[in-house]
Amino acid sequence: MTFEVTGLYAAILGLMMIVLQILAIAARAKNETLFGDAGEMRMILPIRRHGNFIETVPMALIVMALAEAQGLSVSWLHGAGVLLVASRLIHPFGLAETKKALPVRIAGIVGTWIATLIPIAALFSLM
């Protein structure tokens, strides 16, 4: 079986991951920090932006692929994929040096949850 829809979103999200990783590496180089964040906010933000992506996107793609294999309709898969990409695009801008959650951060994480819940719900209903 091919995973045409999930593969498309995995490729797009893979590029986004590389960009976030490059930004974290650039921050490390600029601050001459090999490991950790040295307690510097200018280090913490790019590291957490990348880390949060890594913590959420793989499971979303796994359940999308499983739902695609079980026959979830292309329109539902694209809906979840577009929402996931959009949510992951806006989320990093919501991580800021303030202590309060910015609306764009909340929208990004809620969108990620919904995009992950769509194929999860499909998997339960297709069993």
PDB file of N, CA and C in Angstrom:
ATOM      1  N   MET A   1       0.842  -1.187   0.000  1.00  0.00           N
ATOM      2  CA  MET A   1       0.000   0.000   0.000  1.00  0.00           C
ATOM      3  C   MET A   1       0.881   1.243   0.000  1.00  0.00           C
ATOM      4  N   THR A   2       0.467   2.207  -0.748  1.00  0.00           N
ATOM      5  CA  THR A   2       1.170   3.496  -0.732  1.00  0.00           C
ATOM      6  C   THR A   2       0.386   4.466   0.146  1.00  0.00           C
ATOM      7  N   PHE A   3       1.101   5.376   0.718  1.00  0.00           N
ATOM      8  CA  PHE A   3       0.491   6.378   1.594  1.00  0.00           C
ATOM      9  C   PHE A   3       0.641   7.735   0.925  1.00  0.00           C
ATOM     10  N   GLU A   4      -0.123   7.933  -0.136  1.00  0.00           N
ATOM     11  CA  GLU A   4       0.019   9.149  -0.935  1.00  0.00           C
ATOM     12  C   GLU A   4      -0.324  10.406  -0.154  1.00  0.00           C
ATOM     13  N   VAL A   5      -1.408  10.384   0.579  1.00  0.00           N
ATOM     14  CA  VAL A   5      -1.832  11.589   1.301  1.00  0.00           C
ATOM     15  C   VAL A   5      -0.919  11.825   2.505  1.00  0.00           C
ATOM     16  N   THR A   6      -0.746  10.816   3.338  1.00  0.00           N
ATOM     17  CA  THR A   6       0.119  10.972   4.506  1.00  0.00           C
ATOM     18  C   THR A   6       1.542  11.300   4.075  1.00  0.00           C
ATOM     19  N   GLY A   7       2.000  10.685   2.990  1.00  0.00           N
ATOM     20  CA  GLY A   7       3.343  10.960   2.484  1.00  0.00           C
ATOM     21  C   GLY A   7       3.535  12.416   2.112  1.00  0.00           C
ATOM     22  N   LEU A   8       2.510  13.003   1.506  1.00  0.00           N
ATOM     23  CA  LEU A   8       2.583  14.422   1.146  1.00  0.00           C
ATOM     24  C   LEU A   8       2.797  15.278   2.391  1.00  0.00           C
ATOM     25  N   TYR A   9       2.001  15.028   3.425  1.00  0.00           N
ATOM     26  CA  TYR A   9       2.117  15.843   4.638  1.00  0.00           C
ATOM     27  C   TYR A   9       3.389  15.527   5.415  1.00  0.00           C
ATOM     28  N   ALA A  10       3.845  14.291   5.362  1.00  0.00           N
ATOM     29  CA  ALA A  10       5.119  13.941   5.999  1.00  0.00           C
ATOM     30  C   ALA A  10       6.263  14.702   5.329  1.00  0.00           C
ATOM     31  N   ALA A  11       6.218  14.842   4.010  1.00  0.00           N
ATOM     32  CA  ALA A  11       7.270  15.575   3.300  1.00  0.00           C
ATOM     33  C   ALA A  11       7.251  17.065   3.674  1.00  0.00           C
ATOM     34  N   ILE A  12       6.071  17.649   3.685  1.00  0.00           N
ATOM     35  CA  ILE A  12       5.946  19.070   4.040  1.00  0.00           C
ATOM     36  C   ILE A  12       6.422  19.296   5.478  1.00  0.00           C
ATOM     37  N   LEU A  13       5.943  18.456   6.388  1.00  0.00           N
ATOM     38  CA  LEU A  13       6.313  18.600   7.796  1.00  0.00           C
ATOM     39  C   LEU A  13       7.787  18.284   8.019  1.00  0.00           C
ATOM     40  N   GLY A  14       8.338  17.383   7.224  1.00  0.00           N
ATOM     41  CA  GLY A  14       9.769  17.102   7.313  1.00  0.00           C
ATOM     42  C   GLY A  14      10.601  18.324   6.981  1.00  0.00           C
ATOM     43  N   LEU A  15      10.184  19.067   5.959  1.00  0.00           N
ATOM     44  CA  LEU A  15      10.889  20.314   5.616  1.00  0.00           C
ATOM     45  C   LEU A  15      10.772  21.333   6.746  1.00  0.00           C
ATOM     46  N   MET A  16       9.591  21.412   7.339  1.00  0.00           N
ATOM     47  CA  MET A  16       9.403  22.340   8.455  1.00  0.00           C
ATOM     48  C   MET A  16      10.305  21.960   9.627  1.00  0.00           C
ATOM     49  N   MET A  17      10.439  20.659   9.887  1.00  0.00           N
ATOM     50  CA  MET A  17      11.294  20.198  10.974  1.00  0.00           C
ATOM     51  C   MET A  17      12.741  20.608  10.733  1.00  0.00           C
ATOM     52  N   ILE A  18      13.196  20.463   9.486  1.00  0.00           N
ATOM     53  CA  ILE A  18      14.578  20.830   9.164  1.00  0.00           C
ATOM     54  C   ILE A  18      14.801  22.323   9.400  1.00  0.00           C
ATOM     55  N   VAL A  19      13.848  23.156   9.025  1.00  0.00           N
ATOM     56  CA  VAL A  19      13.979  24.602   9.255  1.00  0.00           C
ATOM     57  C   VAL A  19      14.081  24.893  10.751  1.00  0.00           C
ATOM     58  N   LEU A  20      13.207  24.283  11.549  1.00  0.00           N
ATOM     59  CA  LEU A  20      13.264  24.505  12.998  1.00  0.00           C
ATOM     60  C   LEU A  20      14.578  23.995  13.586  1.00  0.00           C
ATOM     61  N   GLN A  21      15.067  22.890  13.063  1.00  0.00           N
ATOM     62  CA  GLN A  21      16.339  22.346  13.538  1.00  0.00           C
ATOM     63  C   GLN A  21      17.499  23.278  13.183  1.00  0.00           C
ATOM     64  N   ILE A  22      17.479  23.821  11.975  1.00  0.00           N
ATOM     65  CA  ILE A  22      18.532  24.759  11.556  1.00  0.00           C
ATOM     66  C   ILE A  22      18.518  25.995  12.456  1.00  0.00           C
ATOM     67  N   LEU A  23      17.326  26.482  12.789  1.00  0.00           N
ATOM     68  CA  LEU A  23      17.233  27.655  13.671  1.00  0.00           C
ATOM     69  C   LEU A  23      17.795  27.340  15.061  1.00  0.00           C
ATOM     70  N   ALA A  24      17.551  26.142  15.564  1.00  0.00           N
ATOM     71  CA  ALA A  24      18.103  25.755  16.864  1.00  0.00           C
ATOM     72  C   ALA A  24      19.625  25.629  16.781  1.00  0.00           C
ATOM     73  N   ILE A  25      20.119  25.047  15.703  1.00  0.00           N
ATOM     74  CA  ILE A  25      21.571  24.915  15.521  1.00  0.00           C
ATOM     75  C   ILE A  25      22.221  26.291  15.398  1.00  0.00           C
ATOM     76  N   ALA A  26      21.587  27.181  14.660  1.00  0.00           N
ATOM     77  CA  ALA A  26      22.125  28.539  14.498  1.00  0.00           C
ATOM     78  C   ALA A  26      22.184  29.262  15.845  1.00  0.00           C
ATOM     79  N   ALA A  27      21.167  29.084  16.679  1.00  0.00           N
ATOM     80  CA  ALA A  27      21.174  29.704  18.010  1.00  0.00           C
ATOM     81  C   ALA A  27      22.300  29.138  18.851  1.00  0.00           C
ATOM     82  N   ARG A  28      22.523  27.836  18.760  1.00  0.00           N
ATOM     83  CA  ARG A  28      23.635  27.224  19.506  1.00  0.00           C
ATOM     84  C   ARG A  28      24.978  27.786  19.040  1.00  0.00           C
ATOM     85  N   ALA A  29      25.133  27.905  17.737  1.00  0.00           N
ATOM     86  CA  ALA A  29      26.391  28.426  17.187  1.00  0.00           C
ATOM     87  C   ALA A  29      26.602  29.881  17.605  1.00  0.00           C
ATOM     88  N   LYS A  30      25.555  30.681  17.498  1.00  0.00           N
ATOM     89  CA  LYS A  30      25.655  32.097  17.841  1.00  0.00           C
ATOM     90  C   LYS A  30      26.016  32.296  19.314  1.00  0.00           C
ATOM     91  N   ASN A  31      25.471  31.432  20.158  1.00  0.00           N
ATOM     92  CA  ASN A  31      25.700  31.557  21.604  1.00  0.00           C
ATOM     93  C   ASN A  31      26.815  30.648  22.103  1.00  0.00           C
ATOM     94  N   GLU A  32      27.503  29.993  21.174  1.00  0.00           N
ATOM     95  CA  GLU A  32      28.609  29.100  21.502  1.00  0.00           C
ATOM     96  C   GLU A  32      28.223  28.113  22.604  1.00  0.00           C
ATOM     97  N   THR A  33      27.064  27.474  22.407  1.00  0.00           N
ATOM     98  CA  THR A  33      26.543  26.506  23.360  1.00  0.00           C
ATOM     99  C   THR A  33      26.403  25.165  22.666  1.00  0.00           C
ATOM    100  N   LEU A  34      27.187  24.201  23.105  1.00  0.00           N
ATOM    101  CA  LEU A  34      27.153  22.884  22.477  1.00  0.00           C
ATOM    102  C   LEU A  34      25.981  22.051  22.980  1.00  0.00           C
ATOM    103  N   PHE A  35      25.696  22.089  24.289  1.00  0.00           N
ATOM    104  CA  PHE A  35      24.626  21.314  24.885  1.00  0.00           C
ATOM    105  C   PHE A  35      23.738  22.212  25.727  1.00  0.00           C
ATOM    106  N   GLY A  36      22.475  21.840  25.816  1.00  0.00           N
ATOM    107  CA  GLY A  36      21.560  22.575  26.681  1.00  0.00           C
ATOM    108  C   GLY A  36      21.244  23.960  26.154  1.00  0.00           C
ATOM    109  N   ASP A  37      20.754  24.804  27.065  1.00  0.00           N
ATOM    110  CA  ASP A  37      20.348  26.145  26.663  1.00  0.00           C
ATOM    111  C   ASP A  37      21.074  27.250  27.429  1.00  0.00           C
ATOM    112  N   ALA A  38      21.954  26.869  28.341  1.00  0.00           N
ATOM    113  CA  ALA A  38      22.726  27.821  29.142  1.00  0.00           C
ATOM    114  C   ALA A  38      21.824  28.813  29.885  1.00  0.00           C
ATOM    115  N   GLY A  39      20.546  28.457  30.053  1.00  0.00           N
ATOM    116  CA  GLY A  39      19.626  29.340  30.760  1.00  0.00           C
ATOM    117  C   GLY A  39      19.269  30.605  30.008  1.00  0.00           C
ATOM    118  N   GLU A  40      19.584  30.655  28.746  1.00  0.00           N
ATOM    119  CA  GLU A  40      19.344  31.851  27.929  1.00  0.00           C
ATOM    120  C   GLU A  40      18.046  31.712  27.140  1.00  0.00           C
ATOM    121  N   MET A  41      17.144  32.688  27.273  1.00  0.00           N
ATOM    122  CA  MET A  41      15.878  32.650  26.556  1.00  0.00           C
ATOM    123  C   MET A  41      16.109  32.590  25.051  1.00  0.00           C
ATOM    124  N   ARG A  42      17.124  33.270  24.568  1.00  0.00           N
ATOM    125  CA  ARG A  42      17.386  33.256  23.134  1.00  0.00           C
ATOM    126  C   ARG A  42      17.796  31.862  22.659  1.00  0.00           C
ATOM    127  N   MET A  43      18.165  30.989  23.587  1.00  0.00           N
ATOM    128  CA  MET A  43      18.465  29.593  23.272  1.00  0.00           C
ATOM    129  C   MET A  43      17.230  28.716  23.497  1.00  0.00           C
ATOM    130  N   ILE A  44      16.510  28.991  24.567  1.00  0.00           N
ATOM    131  CA  ILE A  44      15.367  28.160  24.933  1.00  0.00           C
ATOM    132  C   ILE A  44      14.304  28.180  23.841  1.00  0.00           C
ATOM    133  N   LEU A  45      14.000  29.349  23.299  1.00  0.00           N
ATOM    134  CA  LEU A  45      12.921  29.442  22.313  1.00  0.00           C
ATOM    135  C   LEU A  45      13.159  28.577  21.070  1.00  0.00           C
ATOM    136  N   PRO A  46      14.280  28.690  20.382  1.00  0.00           N
ATOM    137  CA  PRO A  46      14.443  27.833  19.201  1.00  0.00           C
ATOM    138  C   PRO A  46      14.517  26.346  19.544  1.00  0.00           C
ATOM    139  N   ILE A  47      15.096  26.022  20.695  1.00  0.00           N
ATOM    140  CA  ILE A  47      15.168  24.616  21.107  1.00  0.00           C
ATOM    141  C   ILE A  47      13.763  24.077  21.384  1.00  0.00           C
ATOM    142  N   ARG A  48      12.945  24.845  22.085  1.00  0.00           N
ATOM    143  CA  ARG A  48      11.579  24.393  22.391  1.00  0.00           C
ATOM    144  C   ARG A  48      10.688  24.395  21.155  1.00  0.00           C
ATOM    145  N   ARG A  49      10.888  25.338  20.242  1.00  0.00           N
ATOM    146  CA  ARG A  49      10.100  25.332  19.008  1.00  0.00           C
ATOM    147  C   ARG A  49      10.334  24.039  18.245  1.00  0.00           C
ATOM    148  N   HIS A  50      11.591  23.646  18.132  1.00  0.00           N
ATOM    149  CA  HIS A  50      11.921  22.387  17.471  1.00  0.00           C
ATOM    150  C   HIS A  50      11.424  21.205  18.302  1.00  0.00           C
ATOM    151  N   GLY A  51      11.669  21.243  19.608  1.00  0.00           N
ATOM    152  CA  GLY A  51      11.280  20.143  20.473  1.00  0.00           C
ATOM    153  C   GLY A  51       9.783  19.903  20.487  1.00  0.00           C
ATOM    154  N   ASN A  52       8.995  20.968  20.544  1.00  0.00           N
ATOM    155  CA  ASN A  52       7.551  20.798  20.558  1.00  0.00           C
ATOM    156  C   ASN A  52       7.070  20.169  19.260  1.00  0.00           C
ATOM    157  N   PHE A  53       7.677  20.561  18.148  1.00  0.00           N
ATOM    158  CA  PHE A  53       7.342  19.967  16.853  1.00  0.00           C
ATOM    159  C   PHE A  53       7.609  18.466  16.898  1.00  0.00           C
ATOM    160  N   ILE A  54       8.795  18.100  17.383  1.00  0.00           N
ATOM    161  CA  ILE A  54       9.203  16.699  17.445  1.00  0.00           C
ATOM    162  C   ILE A  54       8.312  15.897  18.404  1.00  0.00           C
ATOM    163  N   GLU A  55       7.796  16.542  19.418  1.00  0.00           N
ATOM    164  CA  GLU A  55       6.956  15.867  20.403  1.00  0.00           C
ATOM    165  C   GLU A  55       5.537  15.605  19.903  1.00  0.00           C
ATOM    166  N   THR A  56       5.090  16.341  18.909  1.00  0.00           N
ATOM    167  CA  THR A  56       3.690  16.226  18.494  1.00  0.00           C
ATOM    168  C   THR A  56       3.490  15.657  17.090  1.00  0.00           C
ATOM    169  N   VAL A  57       4.340  16.003  16.165  1.00  0.00           N
ATOM    170  CA  VAL A  57       4.101  15.652  14.759  1.00  0.00           C
ATOM    171  C   VAL A  57       4.219  14.157  14.465  1.00  0.00           C
ATOM    172  N   PRO A  58       5.204  13.438  15.003  1.00  0.00           N
ATOM    173  CA  PRO A  58       5.298  12.016  14.634  1.00  0.00           C
ATOM    174  C   PRO A  58       4.029  11.213  14.918  1.00  0.00           C
ATOM    175  N   MET A  59       3.423  11.377  16.076  1.00  0.00           N
ATOM    176  CA  MET A  59       2.209  10.611  16.377  1.00  0.00           C
ATOM    177  C   MET A  59       1.075  11.008  15.440  1.00  0.00           C
ATOM    178  N   ALA A  60       0.972  12.285  15.121  1.00  0.00           N
ATOM    179  CA  ALA A  60      -0.068  12.717  14.184  1.00  0.00           C
ATOM    180  C   ALA A  60       0.105  12.015  12.837  1.00  0.00           C
ATOM    181  N   LEU A  61       1.336  11.944  12.355  1.00  0.00           N
ATOM    182  CA  LEU A  61       1.589  11.271  11.083  1.00  0.00           C
ATOM    183  C   LEU A  61       1.364   9.765  11.176  1.00  0.00           C
ATOM    184  N   ILE A  62       1.710   9.173  12.300  1.00  0.00           N
ATOM    185  CA  ILE A  62       1.486   7.723  12.470  1.00  0.00           C
ATOM    186  C   ILE A  62      -0.002   7.402  12.402  1.00  0.00           C
ATOM    187  N   VAL A  63      -0.818   8.140  13.148  1.00  0.00           N
ATOM    188  CA  VAL A  63      -2.258   7.835  13.123  1.00  0.00           C
ATOM    189  C   VAL A  63      -2.877   8.194  11.776  1.00  0.00           C
ATOM    190  N   MET A  64      -2.342   9.209  11.096  1.00  0.00           N
ATOM    191  CA  MET A  64      -2.818   9.502   9.738  1.00  0.00           C
ATOM    192  C   MET A  64      -2.524   8.331   8.808  1.00  0.00           C
ATOM    193  N   ALA A  65      -1.308   7.794   8.870  1.00  0.00           N
ATOM    194  CA  ALA A  65      -0.927   6.681   8.004  1.00  0.00           C
ATOM    195  C   ALA A  65      -1.780   5.444   8.310  1.00  0.00           C
ATOM    196  N   LEU A  66      -1.994   5.177   9.582  1.00  0.00           N
ATOM    197  CA  LEU A  66      -2.821   4.021   9.943  1.00  0.00           C
ATOM    198  C   LEU A  66      -4.260   4.202   9.473  1.00  0.00           C
ATOM    199  N   ALA A  67      -4.791   5.402   9.630  1.00  0.00           N
ATOM    200  CA  ALA A  67      -6.153   5.676   9.168  1.00  0.00           C
ATOM    201  C   ALA A  67      -6.237   5.589   7.646  1.00  0.00           C
ATOM    202  N   GLU A  68      -5.195   6.066   6.956  1.00  0.00           N
ATOM    203  CA  GLU A  68      -5.176   5.961   5.498  1.00  0.00           C
ATOM    204  C   GLU A  68      -5.167   4.485   5.090  1.00  0.00           C
ATOM    205  N   ALA A  69      -4.392   3.670   5.790  1.00  0.00           N
ATOM    206  CA  ALA A  69      -4.331   2.234   5.488  1.00  0.00           C
ATOM    207  C   ALA A  69      -5.677   1.558   5.752  1.00  0.00           C
ATOM    208  N   GLN A  70      -6.432   2.080   6.706  1.00  0.00           N
ATOM    209  CA  GLN A  70      -7.742   1.504   7.044  1.00  0.00           C
ATOM    210  C   GLN A  70      -8.862   2.038   6.155  1.00  0.00           C
ATOM    211  N   GLY A  71      -8.525   2.995   5.279  1.00  0.00           N
ATOM    212  CA  GLY A  71      -9.528   3.471   4.320  1.00  0.00           C
ATOM    213  C   GLY A  71     -10.190   4.780   4.646  1.00  0.00           C
ATOM    214  N   LEU A  72      -9.613   5.577   5.546  1.00  0.00           N
ATOM    215  CA  LEU A  72     -10.185   6.901   5.811  1.00  0.00           C
ATOM    216  C   LEU A  72     -10.209   7.689   4.510  1.00  0.00           C
ATOM    217  N   SER A  73     -11.292   8.405   4.273  1.00  0.00           N
ATOM    218  CA  SER A  73     -11.447   9.121   3.005  1.00  0.00           C
ATOM    219  C   SER A  73     -10.351  10.166   2.815  1.00  0.00           C
ATOM    220  N   VAL A  74     -10.039  10.390   1.552  1.00  0.00           N
ATOM    221  CA  VAL A  74      -8.998  11.353   1.189  1.00  0.00           C
ATOM    222  C   VAL A  74      -9.339  12.747   1.710  1.00  0.00           C
ATOM    223  N   SER A  75     -10.606  13.108   1.682  1.00  0.00           N
ATOM    224  CA  SER A  75     -10.972  14.455   2.145  1.00  0.00           C
ATOM    225  C   SER A  75     -10.718  14.618   3.643  1.00  0.00           C
ATOM    226  N   TRP A  76     -11.001  13.584   4.442  1.00  0.00           N
ATOM    227  CA  TRP A  76     -10.710  13.660   5.878  1.00  0.00           C
ATOM    228  C   TRP A  76      -9.205  13.706   6.121  1.00  0.00           C
ATOM    229  N   LEU A  77      -8.462  12.905   5.356  1.00  0.00           N
ATOM    230  CA  LEU A  77      -7.002  12.912   5.501  1.00  0.00           C
ATOM    231  C   LEU A  77      -6.416  14.269   5.139  1.00  0.00           C
ATOM    232  N   HIS A  78      -6.890  14.850   4.036  1.00  0.00           N
ATOM    233  CA  HIS A  78      -6.393  16.179   3.661  1.00  0.00           C
ATOM    234  C   HIS A  78      -6.809  17.229   4.688  1.00  0.00           C
ATOM    235  N   GLY A  79      -8.015  17.102   5.211  1.00  0.00           N
ATOM    236  CA  GLY A  79      -8.451  18.036   6.251  1.00  0.00           C
ATOM    237  C   GLY A  79      -7.529  17.992   7.450  1.00  0.00           C
ATOM    238  N   ALA A  80      -7.210  16.777   7.910  1.00  0.00           N
ATOM    239  CA  ALA A  80      -6.303  16.623   9.048  1.00  0.00           C
ATOM    240  C   ALA A  80      -4.910  17.123   8.682  1.00  0.00           C
ATOM    241  N   GLY A  81      -4.446  16.806   7.478  1.00  0.00           N
ATOM    242  CA  GLY A  81      -3.100  17.205   7.058  1.00  0.00           C
ATOM    243  C   GLY A  81      -2.943  18.703   6.934  1.00  0.00           C
ATOM    244  N   VAL A  82      -3.912  19.348   6.308  1.00  0.00           N
ATOM    245  CA  VAL A  82      -3.846  20.812   6.151  1.00  0.00           C
ATOM    246  C   VAL A  82      -3.898  21.487   7.521  1.00  0.00           C
ATOM    247  N   LEU A  83      -4.782  21.006   8.390  1.00  0.00           N
ATOM    248  CA  LEU A  83      -4.876  21.574   9.738  1.00  0.00           C
ATOM    249  C   LEU A  83      -3.573  21.369  10.507  1.00  0.00           C
ATOM    250  N   LEU A  84      -2.969  20.193  10.368  1.00  0.00           N
ATOM    251  CA  LEU A  84      -1.711  19.916  11.056  1.00  0.00           C
ATOM    252  C   LEU A  84      -0.603  20.846  10.563  1.00  0.00           C
ATOM    253  N   VAL A  85      -0.476  20.987   9.256  1.00  0.00           N
ATOM    254  CA  VAL A  85       0.565  21.868   8.700  1.00  0.00           C
ATOM    255  C   VAL A  85       0.325  23.311   9.143  1.00  0.00           C
ATOM    256  N   ALA A  86      -0.913  23.782   9.024  1.00  0.00           N
ATOM    257  CA  ALA A  86      -1.219  25.165   9.419  1.00  0.00           C
ATOM    258  C   ALA A  86      -0.936  25.374  10.906  1.00  0.00           C
ATOM    259  N   SER A  87      -1.329  24.418  11.719  1.00  0.00           N
ATOM    260  CA  SER A  87      -1.124  24.537  13.168  1.00  0.00           C
ATOM    261  C   SER A  87       0.351  24.550  13.519  1.00  0.00           C
ATOM    262  N   ARG A  88       1.131  23.718  12.865  1.00  0.00           N
ATOM    263  CA  ARG A  88       2.559  23.662  13.148  1.00  0.00           C
ATOM    264  C   ARG A  88       3.284  24.874  12.570  1.00  0.00           C
ATOM    265  N   LEU A  89       2.723  25.504  11.553  1.00  0.00           N
ATOM    266  CA  LEU A  89       3.316  26.744  11.034  1.00  0.00           C
ATOM    267  C   LEU A  89       3.128  27.899  12.009  1.00  0.00           C
ATOM    268  N   ILE A  90       1.954  27.993  12.620  1.00  0.00           N
ATOM    269  CA  ILE A  90       1.688  29.141  13.495  1.00  0.00           C
ATOM    270  C   ILE A  90       2.197  28.942  14.914  1.00  0.00           C
ATOM    271  N   HIS A  91       2.274  27.707  15.380  1.00  0.00           N
ATOM    272  CA  HIS A  91       2.636  27.451  16.775  1.00  0.00           C
ATOM    273  C   HIS A  91       3.953  28.083  17.207  1.00  0.00           C
ATOM    274  N   PRO A  92       5.041  27.979  16.428  1.00  0.00           N
ATOM    275  CA  PRO A  92       6.309  28.569  16.884  1.00  0.00           C
ATOM    276  C   PRO A  92       6.234  30.072  17.155  1.00  0.00           C
ATOM    277  N   PHE A  93       5.336  30.751  16.447  1.00  0.00           N
ATOM    278  CA  PHE A  93       5.214  32.194  16.659  1.00  0.00           C
ATOM    279  C   PHE A  93       4.506  32.508  17.977  1.00  0.00           C
ATOM    280  N   GLY A  94       3.835  31.524  18.540  1.00  0.00           N
ATOM    281  CA  GLY A  94       3.163  31.707  19.814  1.00  0.00           C
ATOM    282  C   GLY A  94       4.059  31.457  21.009  1.00  0.00           C
ATOM    283  N   LEU A  95       5.220  30.867  20.756  1.00  0.00           N
ATOM    284  CA  LEU A  95       6.188  30.688  21.833  1.00  0.00           C
ATOM    285  C   LEU A  95       7.026  31.948  21.911  1.00  0.00           C
ATOM    286  N   ALA A  96       6.898  32.647  23.001  1.00  0.00           N
ATOM    287  CA  ALA A  96       7.604  33.915  23.152  1.00  0.00           C
ATOM    288  C   ALA A  96       8.148  34.012  24.566  1.00  0.00           C
ATOM    289  N   GLU A  97       8.858  35.066  24.826  1.00  0.00           N
ATOM    290  CA  GLU A  97       9.497  35.251  26.129  1.00  0.00           C
ATOM    291  C   GLU A  97       8.513  35.635  27.227  1.00  0.00           C
ATOM    292  N   THR A  98       7.244  35.828  26.891  1.00  0.00           N
ATOM    293  CA  THR A  98       6.263  36.177  27.916  1.00  0.00           C
ATOM    294  C   THR A  98       5.889  34.928  28.692  1.00  0.00           C
ATOM    295  N   LYS A  99       5.336  35.124  29.863  1.00  0.00           N
ATOM    296  CA  LYS A  99       4.928  33.982  30.679  1.00  0.00           C
ATOM    297  C   LYS A  99       3.515  33.528  30.357  1.00  0.00           C
ATOM    298  N   LYS A 100       2.764  34.324  29.616  1.00  0.00           N
ATOM    299  CA  LYS A 100       1.392  33.923  29.313  1.00  0.00           C
ATOM    300  C   LYS A 100       1.332  33.285  27.926  1.00  0.00           C
ATOM    301  N   ALA A 101       0.368  32.397  27.773  1.00  0.00           N
ATOM    302  CA  ALA A 101       0.189  31.713  26.490  1.00  0.00           C
ATOM    303  C   ALA A 101      -0.419  32.687  25.483  1.00  0.00           C
ATOM    304  N   LEU A 102       0.235  32.853  24.371  1.00  0.00           N
ATOM    305  CA  LEU A 102      -0.268  33.722  23.324  1.00  0.00           C
ATOM    306  C   LEU A 102      -1.363  33.000  22.538  1.00  0.00           C
ATOM    307  N   PRO A 103      -2.371  33.732  22.048  1.00  0.00           N
ATOM    308  CA  PRO A 103      -3.470  33.082  21.313  1.00  0.00           C
ATOM    309  C   PRO A 103      -2.995  32.223  20.139  1.00  0.00           C
ATOM    310  N   VAL A 104      -1.957  32.645  19.447  1.00  0.00           N
ATOM    311  CA  VAL A 104      -1.489  31.860  18.308  1.00  0.00           C
ATOM    312  C   VAL A 104      -0.879  30.536  18.773  1.00  0.00           C
ATOM    313  N   ARG A 105      -0.284  30.530  19.950  1.00  0.00           N
ATOM    314  CA  ARG A 105       0.241  29.276  20.509  1.00  0.00           C
ATOM    315  C   ARG A 105      -0.903  28.329  20.836  1.00  0.00           C
ATOM    316  N   ILE A 106      -1.932  28.868  21.459  1.00  0.00           N
ATOM    317  CA  ILE A 106      -3.100  28.057  21.806  1.00  0.00           C
ATOM    318  C   ILE A 106      -3.755  27.515  20.538  1.00  0.00           C
ATOM    319  N   ALA A 107      -3.913  28.361  19.538  1.00  0.00           N
ATOM    320  CA  ALA A 107      -4.503  27.914  18.269  1.00  0.00           C
ATOM    321  C   ALA A 107      -3.646  26.826  17.628  1.00  0.00           C
ATOM    322  N   GLY A 108      -2.344  26.978  17.705  1.00  0.00           N
ATOM    323  CA  GLY A 108      -1.450  25.992  17.119  1.00  0.00           C
ATOM    324  C   GLY A 108      -1.547  24.640  17.783  1.00  0.00           C
ATOM    325  N   ILE A 109      -1.596  24.613  19.094  1.00  0.00           N
ATOM    326  CA  ILE A 109      -1.657  23.328  19.785  1.00  0.00           C
ATOM    327  C   ILE A 109      -3.046  22.707  19.685  1.00  0.00           C
ATOM    328  N   VAL A 110      -4.097  23.520  19.776  1.00  0.00           N
ATOM    329  CA  VAL A 110      -5.449  22.972  19.643  1.00  0.00           C
ATOM    330  C   VAL A 110      -5.650  22.424  18.224  1.00  0.00           C
ATOM    331  N   GLY A 111      -5.154  23.148  17.238  1.00  0.00           N
ATOM    332  CA  GLY A 111      -5.236  22.652  15.865  1.00  0.00           C
ATOM    333  C   GLY A 111      -4.487  21.341  15.692  1.00  0.00           C
ATOM    334  N   THR A 112      -3.332  21.227  16.329  1.00  0.00           N
ATOM    335  CA  THR A 112      -2.556  19.984  16.278  1.00  0.00           C
ATOM    336  C   THR A 112      -3.339  18.849  16.927  1.00  0.00           C
ATOM    337  N   TRP A 113      -3.964  19.122  18.058  1.00  0.00           N
ATOM    338  CA  TRP A 113      -4.766  18.084  18.720  1.00  0.00           C
ATOM    339  C   TRP A 113      -5.917  17.621  17.830  1.00  0.00           C
ATOM    340  N   ILE A 114      -6.625  18.581  17.241  1.00  0.00           N
ATOM    341  CA  ILE A 114      -7.758  18.227  16.374  1.00  0.00           C
ATOM    342  C   ILE A 114      -7.277  17.425  15.168  1.00  0.00           C
ATOM    343  N   ALA A 115      -6.165  17.874  14.564  1.00  0.00           N
ATOM    344  CA  ALA A 115      -5.624  17.164  13.401  1.00  0.00           C
ATOM    345  C   ALA A 115      -5.201  15.745  13.774  1.00  0.00           C
ATOM    346  N   THR A 116      -4.798  15.526  15.004  1.00  0.00           N
ATOM    347  CA  THR A 116      -4.420  14.194  15.471  1.00  0.00           C
ATOM    348  C   THR A 116      -5.660  13.383  15.854  1.00  0.00           C
ATOM    349  N   LEU A 117      -6.654  14.045  16.410  1.00  0.00           N
ATOM    350  CA  LEU A 117      -7.877  13.352  16.822  1.00  0.00           C
ATOM    351  C   LEU A 117      -8.722  12.883  15.638  1.00  0.00           C
ATOM    352  N   ILE A 118      -8.662  13.559  14.510  1.00  0.00           N
ATOM    353  CA  ILE A 118      -9.449  13.140  13.339  1.00  0.00           C
ATOM    354  C   ILE A 118      -9.099  11.707  12.938  1.00  0.00           C
ATOM    355  N   PRO A 119      -7.816  11.401  12.681  1.00  0.00           N
ATOM    356  CA  PRO A 119      -7.522  10.006  12.330  1.00  0.00           C
ATOM    357  C   PRO A 119      -7.679   9.035  13.497  1.00  0.00           C
ATOM    358  N   ILE A 120      -7.494   9.509  14.728  1.00  0.00           N
ATOM    359  CA  ILE A 120      -7.719   8.625  15.881  1.00  0.00           C
ATOM    360  C   ILE A 120      -9.185   8.208  15.920  1.00  0.00           C
ATOM    361  N   ALA A 121     -10.088   9.173  15.771  1.00  0.00           N
ATOM    362  CA  ALA A 121     -11.514   8.860  15.763  1.00  0.00           C
ATOM    363  C   ALA A 121     -11.850   7.909  14.618  1.00  0.00           C
ATOM    364  N   ALA A 122     -11.239   8.142  13.474  1.00  0.00           N
ATOM    365  CA  ALA A 122     -11.475   7.261  12.325  1.00  0.00           C
ATOM    366  C   ALA A 122     -11.012   5.845  12.619  1.00  0.00           C
ATOM    367  N   LEU A 123      -9.846   5.716  13.263  1.00  0.00           N
ATOM    368  CA  LEU A 123      -9.360   4.385  13.591  1.00  0.00           C
ATOM    369  C   LEU A 123     -10.322   3.640  14.519  1.00  0.00           C
ATOM    370  N   PHE A 124     -10.870   4.345  15.496  1.00  0.00           N
ATOM    371  CA  PHE A 124     -11.836   3.706  16.387  1.00  0.00           C
ATOM    372  C   PHE A 124     -13.108   3.305  15.625  1.00  0.00           C
ATOM    373  N   SER A 125     -13.541   4.160  14.713  1.00  0.00           N
ATOM    374  CA  SER A 125     -14.787   3.869  13.994  1.00  0.00           C
ATOM    375  C   SER A 125     -14.593   2.816  12.894  1.00  0.00           C
ATOM    376  N   LEU A 126     -13.378   2.655  12.402  1.00  0.00           N
ATOM    377  CA  LEU A 126     -13.117   1.698  11.332  1.00  0.00           C
ATOM    378  C   LEU A 126     -12.779   0.299  11.857  1.00  0.00           C
ATOM    379  N   MET A 127     -12.667   0.163  13.167  1.00  0.00           N
ATOM    380  CA  MET A 127     -12.327  -1.154  13.753  1.00  0.00           C
ATOM    381  C   MET A 127     -13.520  -2.092  13.731  1.00  0.00           C
TER     382      MET A 127
END
